[in-house]
C-alpha atoms as a PDB file:
ATOM      1  CA  UNK A   1       0.079  -0.068  -0.203  1.00  0.00           C
ATOM      2  CA  UNK A   2       2.955   2.324   1.018  1.00  0.00           C
ATOM      3  CA  UNK A   3       4.280   1.594  -2.439  1.00  0.00           C
ATOM      4  CA  UNK A   4       1.094   2.891  -4.144  1.00  0.00           C
ATOM      5  CA  UNK A   5       0.842   5.808  -1.817  1.00  0.00           C
ATOM      6  CA  UNK A   6       4.670   6.776  -2.887  1.00  0.00           C
ATOM      7  CA  UNK A   7       3.582   6.544  -6.702  1.00  0.00           C
ATOM      8  CA  UNK A   8       0.674   8.320  -6.515  1.00  0.00           C
ATOM      9  CA  UNK A   9       3.271  11.335  -5.027  1.00  0.00           C
ATOM     10  CA  UNK A  10       5.802  10.837  -7.490  1.00  0.00           C
ATOM     11  CA  UNK A  11       3.177  11.155  -9.900  1.00  0.00           C
ATOM     12  CA  UNK A  12       1.979  13.939  -8.632  1.00  0.00           C
ATOM     13  CA  UNK A  13       5.074  15.755  -8.411  1.00  0.00           C
ATOM     14  CA  UNK A  14       6.047  15.087 -11.876  1.00  0.00           C
ATOM     15  CA  UNK A  15       2.936  16.327 -13.334  1.00  0.00           C
ATOM     16  CA  UNK A  16       3.336  19.459 -10.953  1.00  0.00           C
ATOM     17  CA  UNK A  17       6.553  20.033 -12.505  1.00  0.00           C
ATOM     18  CA  UNK A  18       5.746  19.545 -16.184  1.00  0.00           C
ATOM     19  CA  UNK A  19       3.050  22.038 -15.438  1.00  0.00           C
ATOM     20  CA  UNK A  20       5.411  24.806 -13.750  1.00  0.00           C
ATOM     21  CA  UNK A  21       7.589  24.301 -16.685  1.00  0.00           C
ATOM     22  CA  UNK A  22       5.075  25.143 -19.244  1.00  0.00           C
ATOM     23  CA  UNK A  23       3.589  28.051 -17.054  1.00  0.00           C
ATOM     24  CA  UNK A  24       7.363  29.211 -16.563  1.00  0.00           C
ATOM     25  CA  UNK A  25       8.060  29.083 -20.357  1.00  0.00           C
ATOM     26  CA  UNK A  26       4.455  30.808 -21.131  1.00  0.00           C
ATOM     27  CA  UNK A  27       5.385  33.536 -19.104  1.00  0.00           C
ATOM     28  CA  UNK A  28       9.219  33.876 -20.732  1.00  0.00           C
ATOM     29  CA  UNK A  29       7.567  34.350 -23.967  1.00  0.00           C
ATOM     30  CA  UNK A  30       6.779  37.556 -25.420  1.00  0.00           C
ATOM     31  CA  UNK A  31       2.732  38.451 -25.960  1.00  0.00           C
ATOM     32  CA  UNK A  32       1.554  39.634 -29.563  1.00  0.00           C
ATOM     33  CA  UNK A  33       1.275  43.044 -27.571  1.00  0.00           C
ATOM     34  CA  UNK A  34       4.922  43.284 -26.540  1.00  0.00           C
ATOM     35  CA  UNK A  35       6.017  42.346 -30.266  1.00  0.00           C
ATOM     36  CA  UNK A  36       3.864  45.679 -31.603  1.00  0.00           C
ATOM     37  CA  UNK A  37       5.414  47.201 -28.610  1.00  0.00           C
ATOM     38  CA  UNK A  38       8.810  46.546 -30.387  1.00  0.00           C
ATOM     39  CA  UNK A  39       8.069  47.378 -33.665  1.00  0.00           C
ATOM     40  CA  UNK A  40       6.258  50.855 -32.536  1.00  0.00           C
ATOM     41  CA  UNK A  41       9.532  51.730 -30.137  1.00  0.00           C
ATOM     42  CA  UNK A  42      11.875  51.434 -33.284  1.00  0.00           C
ATOM     43  CA  UNK A  43       9.330  53.814 -35.368  1.00  0.00           C
ATOM     44  CA  UNK A  44       8.467  56.437 -32.599  1.00  0.00           C
ATOM     45  CA  UNK A  45       9.964  59.960 -31.985  1.00  0.00           C
ATOM     46  CA  UNK A  46       9.449  59.290 -28.350  1.00  0.00           C
ATOM     47  CA  UNK A  47      11.704  56.588 -28.172  1.00  0.00           C
ATOM     48  CA  UNK A  48      14.070  57.981 -30.408  1.00  0.00           C
ATOM     49  CA  UNK A  49      13.134  55.730 -33.219  1.00  0.00           C
ATOM     50  CA  UNK A  50      12.881  56.207 -37.539  1.00  0.00           C
ATOM     51  CA  UNK A  51      10.433  59.212 -36.954  1.00  0.00           C
ATOM     52  CA  UNK A  52      13.691  60.800 -34.738  1.00  0.00           C
ATOM     53  CA  UNK A  53      16.033  59.661 -37.312  1.00  0.00           C
ATOM     54  CA  UNK A  54      14.334  61.768 -39.924  1.00  0.00           C
ATOM     55  CA  UNK A  55      14.023  64.721 -38.014  1.00  0.00           C
ATOM     56  CA  UNK A  56      17.647  64.233 -37.337  1.00  0.00           C
ATOM     57  CA  UNK A  57      18.432  63.918 -40.812  1.00  0.00           C
ATOM     58  CA  UNK A  58      16.575  67.001 -41.720  1.00  0.00           C
ATOM     59  CA  UNK A  59      18.460  69.276 -39.022  1.00  0.00           C
ATOM     60  CA  UNK A  60      21.921  67.917 -40.436  1.00  0.00           C
ATOM     61  CA  UNK A  61      20.685  69.131 -43.717  1.00  0.00           C
ATOM     62  CA  UNK A  62      19.305  72.436 -42.710  1.00  0.00           C
ATOM     63  CA  UNK A  63      22.710  72.947 -41.140  1.00  0.00           C
ATOM     64  CA  UNK A  64      24.579  72.365 -44.339  1.00  0.00           C
ATOM     65  CA  UNK A  65      25.893  75.229 -46.975  1.00  0.00           C
ATOM     66  CA  UNK A  66      23.951  73.099 -49.477  1.00  0.00           C
ATOM     67  CA  UNK A  67      26.846  73.091 -51.325  1.00  0.00           C
ATOM     68  CA  UNK A  68      27.501  70.185 -54.025  1.00  0.00           C
ATOM     69  CA  UNK A  69      29.330  67.141 -52.967  1.00  0.00           C
ATOM     70  CA  UNK A  70      30.020  68.419 -49.262  1.00  0.00           C
ATOM     71  CA  UNK A  71      30.688  65.974 -46.932  1.00  0.00           C
ATOM     72  CA  UNK A  72      30.740  65.814 -43.227  1.00  0.00           C
ATOM     73  CA  UNK A  73      29.723  64.229 -39.639  1.00  0.00           C
ATOM     74  CA  UNK A  74      27.245  65.422 -36.998  1.00  0.00           C
ATOM     75  CA  UNK A  75      26.037  63.988 -34.003  1.00  0.00           C
ATOM     76  CA  UNK A  76      22.890  64.609 -32.218  1.00  0.00           C
ATOM     77  CA  UNK A  77      21.693  63.713 -28.698  1.00  0.00           C
ATOM     78  CA  UNK A  78      18.216  63.152 -27.997  1.00  0.00           C
ATOM     79  CA  UNK A  79      16.443  62.581 -24.486  1.00  0.00           C
ATOM     80  CA  UNK A  80      12.888  62.645 -22.851  1.00  0.00           C
ATOM     81  CA  UNK A  81      11.401  61.727 -19.731  1.00  0.00           C
ATOM     82  CA  UNK A  82       7.877  61.497 -18.885  1.00  0.00           C
ATOM     83  CA  UNK A  83       5.666  59.411 -16.127  1.00  0.00           C
ATOM     84  CA  UNK A  84       5.232  56.726 -18.990  1.00  0.00           C
ATOM     85  CA  UNK A  85       8.254  56.773 -21.310  1.00  0.00           C
ATOM     86  CA  UNK A  86      12.144  57.756 -20.978  1.00  0.00           C
ATOM     87  CA  UNK A  87      14.799  57.301 -23.683  1.00  0.00           C
ATOM     88  CA  UNK A  88      18.214  58.622 -24.137  1.00  0.00           C
ATOM     89  CA  UNK A  89      20.266  58.134 -27.674  1.00  0.00           C
ATOM     90  CA  UNK A  90      23.121  59.348 -29.149  1.00  0.00           C
ATOM     91  CA  UNK A  91      23.702  59.275 -32.834  1.00  0.00           C
ATOM     92  CA  UNK A  92      26.384  60.294 -35.155  1.00  0.00           C
ATOM     93  CA  UNK A  93      25.457  60.928 -39.071  1.00  0.00           C
ATOM     94  CA  UNK A  94      27.847  61.134 -41.584  1.00  0.00           C
ATOM     95  CA  UNK A  95      27.078  62.260 -44.828  1.00  0.00           C
ATOM     96  CA  UNK A  96      27.366  63.765 -48.417  1.00  0.00           C
ATOM     97  CA  UNK A  97      25.301  65.768 -50.449  1.00  0.00           C
ATOM     98  CA  UNK A  98      24.686  64.742 -54.032  1.00  0.00           C
ATOM     99  CA  UNK A  99      24.715  66.569 -56.779  1.00  0.00           C
ATOM    100  CA  UNK A 100      22.218  67.235 -60.121  1.00  0.00           C
ATOM    101  CA  UNK A 101      24.407  69.102 -62.415  1.00  0.00           C
ATOM    102  CA  UNK A 102      25.809  71.809 -59.383  1.00  0.00           C
ATOM    103  CA  UNK A 103      22.561  71.774 -57.192  1.00  0.00           C
ATOM    104  CA  UNK A 104      22.444  69.250 -54.559  1.00  0.00           C
ATOM    105  CA  UNK A 105      19.833  66.924 -55.258  1.00  0.00           C
ATOM    106  CA  UNK A 106      20.165  64.331 -52.612  1.00  0.00           C
ATOM    107  CA  UNK A 107      22.022  63.415 -49.124  1.00  0.00           C
ATOM    108  CA  UNK A 108      23.303  60.197 -48.330  1.00  0.00           C
ATOM    109  CA  UNK A 109      23.441  59.507 -44.656  1.00  0.00           C
ATOM    110  CA  UNK A 110      25.047  56.829 -42.455  1.00  0.00           C
ATOM    111  CA  UNK A 111      23.906  56.488 -39.206  1.00  0.00           C
ATOM    112  CA  UNK A 112      25.301  55.073 -35.826  1.00  0.00           C
ATOM    113  CA  UNK A 113      23.775  55.564 -32.746  1.00  0.00           C
ATOM    114  CA  UNK A 114      23.688  53.945 -29.312  1.00  0.00           C
ATOM    115  CA  UNK A 115      21.121  54.349 -26.317  1.00  0.00           C
ATOM    116  CA  UNK A 116      18.246  53.043 -24.399  1.00  0.00           C
ATOM    117  CA  UNK A 117      14.353  53.169 -23.454  1.00  0.00           C
ATOM    118  CA  UNK A 118      11.786  52.217 -21.167  1.00  0.00           C
ATOM    119  CA  UNK A 119       7.812  52.192 -20.715  1.00  0.00           C
ATOM    120  CA  UNK A 120       5.568  50.197 -18.569  1.00  0.00           C
ATOM    121  CA  UNK A 121       5.741  47.160 -21.112  1.00  0.00           C
ATOM    122  CA  UNK A 122       9.694  46.899 -22.227  1.00  0.00           C
ATOM    123  CA  UNK A 123      13.031  48.259 -21.652  1.00  0.00           C
ATOM    124  CA  UNK A 124      15.958  48.428 -23.939  1.00  0.00           C
ATOM    125  CA  UNK A 125      19.611  48.942 -24.483  1.00  0.00           C
ATOM    126  CA  UNK A 126      20.064  49.407 -28.522  1.00  0.00           C
ATOM    127  CA  UNK A 127      22.397  50.127 -31.060  1.00  0.00           C
ATOM    128  CA  UNK A 128      21.127  51.891 -33.973  1.00  0.00           C
ATOM    129  CA  UNK A 129      22.242  51.773 -37.359  1.00  0.00           C
ATOM    130  CA  UNK A 130      21.410  53.026 -40.882  1.00  0.00           C
ATOM    131  CA  UNK A 131      22.202  53.510 -44.680  1.00  0.00           C
ATOM    132  CA  UNK A 132      19.773  56.105 -46.406  1.00  0.00           C
ATOM    133  CA  UNK A 133      19.059  59.083 -48.519  1.00  0.00           C
ATOM    134  CA  UNK A 134      17.023  62.149 -48.504  1.00  0.00           C
ATOM    135  CA  UNK A 135      16.182  63.349 -51.596  1.00  0.00           C
ATOM    136  CA  UNK A 136      13.771  66.118 -52.987  1.00  0.00           C
ATOM    137  CA  UNK A 137      15.737  68.987 -51.657  1.00  0.00           C
ATOM    138  CA  UNK A 138      15.566  71.639 -53.926  1.00  0.00           C
ATOM    139  CA  UNK A 139      13.060  74.141 -52.377  1.00  0.00           C
ATOM    140  CA  UNK A 140      10.146  74.084 -54.890  1.00  0.00           C
ATOM    141  CA  UNK A 141       9.503  70.610 -53.557  1.00  0.00           C
ATOM    142  CA  UNK A 142       6.930  70.261 -50.433  1.00  0.00           C
ATOM    143  CA  UNK A 143       8.123  66.946 -49.344  1.00  0.00           C
ATOM    144  CA  UNK A 144      11.718  65.484 -48.474  1.00  0.00           C
ATOM    145  CA  UNK A 145      11.835  61.597 -49.761  1.00  0.00           C
ATOM    146  CA  UNK A 146      13.542  59.318 -47.559  1.00  0.00           C
ATOM    147  CA  UNK A 147      14.475  55.675 -48.688  1.00  0.00           C
ATOM    148  CA  UNK A 148      17.056  53.183 -47.479  1.00  0.00           C
ATOM    149  CA  UNK A 149      17.653  50.786 -44.488  1.00  0.00           C
ATOM    150  CA  UNK A 150      17.025  51.623 -40.959  1.00  0.00           C
ATOM    151  CA  UNK A 151      18.188  48.856 -38.159  1.00  0.00           C
ATOM    152  CA  UNK A 152      18.061  48.567 -34.341  1.00  0.00           C
ATOM    153  CA  UNK A 153      19.458  45.838 -31.986  1.00  0.00           C
ATOM    154  CA  UNK A 154      20.159  45.094 -28.691  1.00  0.00           C
ATOM    155  CA  UNK A 155      18.714  43.670 -25.646  1.00  0.00           C
ATOM    156  CA  UNK A 156      15.151  43.864 -24.357  1.00  0.00           C
ATOM    157  CA  UNK A 157      13.662  43.008 -21.139  1.00  0.00           C
ATOM    158  CA  UNK A 158       9.955  42.427 -20.744  1.00  0.00           C
ATOM    159  CA  UNK A 159       8.561  44.507 -17.913  1.00  0.00           C
ATOM    160  CA  UNK A 160       5.515  41.900 -16.708  1.00  0.00           C
ATOM    161  CA  UNK A 161       5.760  38.362 -15.705  1.00  0.00           C
ATOM    162  CA  UNK A 162       9.322  37.060 -14.782  1.00  0.00           C
ATOM    163  CA  UNK A 163      11.090  39.877 -16.679  1.00  0.00           C
ATOM    164  CA  UNK A 164      11.936  37.812 -19.908  1.00  0.00           C
ATOM    165  CA  UNK A 165      15.338  39.123 -21.693  1.00  0.00           C
ATOM    166  CA  UNK A 166      15.672  38.771 -25.342  1.00  0.00           C
ATOM    167  CA  UNK A 167      18.574  40.095 -27.966  1.00  0.00           C
ATOM    168  CA  UNK A 168      17.073  41.260 -30.703  1.00  0.00           C
ATOM    169  CA  UNK A 169      17.284  42.637 -34.138  1.00  0.00           C
ATOM    170  CA  UNK A 170      14.650  45.144 -35.969  1.00  0.00           C
ATOM    171  CA  UNK A 171      15.268  45.988 -39.355  1.00  0.00           C
ATOM    172  CA  UNK A 172      13.511  48.027 -41.808  1.00  0.00           C
ATOM    173  CA  UNK A 173      13.674  48.788 -45.487  1.00  0.00           C
ATOM    174  CA  UNK A 174      12.193  51.973 -46.343  1.00  0.00           C
ATOM    175  CA  UNK A 175      10.435  53.033 -49.820  1.00  0.00           C
ATOM    176  CA  UNK A 176       9.394  56.477 -50.758  1.00  0.00           C
ATOM    177  CA  UNK A 177       8.778  57.847 -47.265  1.00  0.00           C
ATOM    178  CA  UNK A 178       7.524  61.542 -47.827  1.00  0.00           C
ATOM    179  CA  UNK A 179       8.016  63.768 -45.002  1.00  0.00           C
ATOM    180  CA  UNK A 180       6.557  67.425 -45.173  1.00  0.00           C
ATOM    181  CA  UNK A 181       9.078  70.085 -45.220  1.00  0.00           C
ATOM    182  CA  UNK A 182       7.083  72.607 -43.084  1.00  0.00           C
ATOM    183  CA  UNK A 183       5.734  70.177 -40.305  1.00  0.00           C
ATOM    184  CA  UNK A 184       8.452  67.594 -40.484  1.00  0.00           C
ATOM    185  CA  UNK A 185       5.827  64.654 -40.001  1.00  0.00           C
ATOM    186  CA  UNK A 186       5.567  61.806 -42.022  1.00  0.00           C
ATOM    187  CA  UNK A 187       3.090  62.003 -44.806  1.00  0.00           C
ATOM    188  CA  UNK A 188       2.849  58.468 -46.410  1.00  0.00           C
ATOM    189  CA  UNK A 189       5.546  55.609 -47.326  1.00  0.00           C
ATOM    190  CA  UNK A 190       5.863  52.037 -46.833  1.00  0.00           C
ATOM    191  CA  UNK A 191       8.209  49.779 -45.167  1.00  0.00           C
ATOM    192  CA  UNK A 192       8.894  45.908 -44.939  1.00  0.00           C
ATOM    193  CA  UNK A 193      10.478  44.752 -41.778  1.00  0.00           C
ATOM    194  CA  UNK A 194      12.294  41.552 -39.967  1.00  0.00           C
ATOM    195  CA  UNK A 195      12.027  41.584 -36.482  1.00  0.00           C
ATOM    196  CA  UNK A 196      14.124  38.535 -35.167  1.00  0.00           C
ATOM    197  CA  UNK A 197      15.238  37.587 -31.738  1.00  0.00           C
ATOM    198  CA  UNK A 198      16.555  35.089 -29.186  1.00  0.00           C
ATOM    199  CA  UNK A 199      15.990  34.276 -26.029  1.00  0.00           C
ATOM    200  CA  UNK A 200      18.918  35.185 -22.870  1.00  0.00           C
ATOM    201  CA  UNK A 201      15.895  33.055 -20.274  1.00  0.00           C
ATOM    202  CA  UNK A 202      15.054  30.022 -21.955  1.00  0.00           C
ATOM    203  CA  UNK A 203      17.472  27.661 -23.907  1.00  0.00           C
ATOM    204  CA  UNK A 204      16.730  27.575 -27.889  1.00  0.00           C
ATOM    205  CA  UNK A 205      13.257  29.862 -27.500  1.00  0.00           C
ATOM    206  CA  UNK A 206      13.632  32.464 -30.689  1.00  0.00           C
ATOM    207  CA  UNK A 207      11.123  34.382 -32.598  1.00  0.00           C
ATOM    208  CA  UNK A 208      11.238  35.920 -36.562  1.00  0.00           C
ATOM    209  CA  UNK A 209       8.424  37.649 -38.096  1.00  0.00           C
ATOM    210  CA  UNK A 210       8.071  39.746 -41.291  1.00  0.00           C
ATOM    211  CA  UNK A 211       5.495  41.948 -42.358  1.00  0.00           C
ATOM    212  CA  UNK A 212       5.036  45.624 -43.671  1.00  0.00           C
ATOM    213  CA  UNK A 213       4.396  49.167 -42.544  1.00  0.00           C
ATOM    214  CA  UNK A 214       2.173  51.884 -43.851  1.00  0.00           C
ATOM    215  CA  UNK A 215       2.540  55.415 -42.873  1.00  0.00           C
ATOM    216  CA  UNK A 216      -0.792  57.190 -42.730  1.00  0.00           C
ATOM    217  CA  UNK A 217       0.217  60.606 -42.272  1.00  0.00           C
ATOM    218  CA  UNK A 218      -0.493  62.623 -39.091  1.00  0.00           C
ATOM    219  CA  UNK A 219       1.653  60.900 -37.007  1.00  0.00           C
ATOM    220  CA  UNK A 220      -0.266  57.358 -37.820  1.00  0.00           C
ATOM    221  CA  UNK A 221       1.123  53.809 -38.893  1.00  0.00           C
ATOM    222  CA  UNK A 222      -0.408  50.758 -39.861  1.00  0.00           C
ATOM    223  CA  UNK A 223       1.850  47.478 -38.828  1.00  0.00           C
ATOM    224  CA  UNK A 224       1.034  44.198 -40.196  1.00  0.00           C
ATOM    225  CA  UNK A 225       1.950  41.567 -37.581  1.00  0.00           C
ATOM    226  CA  UNK A 226       0.557  38.251 -37.939  1.00  0.00           C
ATOM    227  CA  UNK A 227      -1.711  38.695 -40.387  1.00  0.00           C
ATOM    228  CA  UNK A 228      -3.488  41.264 -37.918  1.00  0.00           C
ATOM    229  CA  UNK A 229      -3.531  44.991 -38.609  1.00  0.00           C
ATOM    230  CA  UNK A 230      -2.504  47.469 -35.841  1.00  0.00           C
ATOM    231  CA  UNK A 231      -2.784  51.307 -36.338  1.00  0.00           C
ATOM    232  CA  UNK A 232      -0.530  53.199 -33.821  1.00  0.00           C
ATOM    233  CA  UNK A 233       0.390  56.967 -33.586  1.00  0.00           C
ATOM    234  CA  UNK A 234       4.385  56.860 -33.797  1.00  0.00           C
ATOM    235  CA  UNK A 235       5.101  60.520 -32.340  1.00  0.00           C
END
């Protein structure tokens, strides 16, 4: 009889252990909302994302003499802290003005940045890189046109559950992104993205997602994630 009792105890213990492991694994995985938060973070100005990048590049261009084939470097530090969000990034821009005839028509930009971001959902330490161009420089045009690669990678920690920690890489391939010269807001454009990462909390746990971003104007963007569309404010 005591052997039967011991068998029951062992069986219950194993079932509890397997159930607990499953629960821990589930907690250590990111939710769809957290994946969307990562994508939004890499886009939004409030987290030093792509919108911030476009505004920095415009500032760099406006600080030049608009001279044909002019090249240089510029470092811009951006930070902000509110009750819900804080970020700090230092970005270095290497640029060259390209010419059509004797007039600068576009500017090629290489980005290297480091920084960190935190809100209620996630915190991250990031490295940003980019190889982009800004066109439509002549004053007769009403919008600047951006295209190229914008990349961000680092370590993300979920602020919920058991604080899941992931290394991640977020890459955007931007196409025909039009930024209003007066407001410096993105009017339209598209991007494809790849979001990939590996858990530092659970062995062999990883993720890899691809999708599209559509810029709608007025600081709005629609993100396609796993067949669902999420429209967000990216100011």
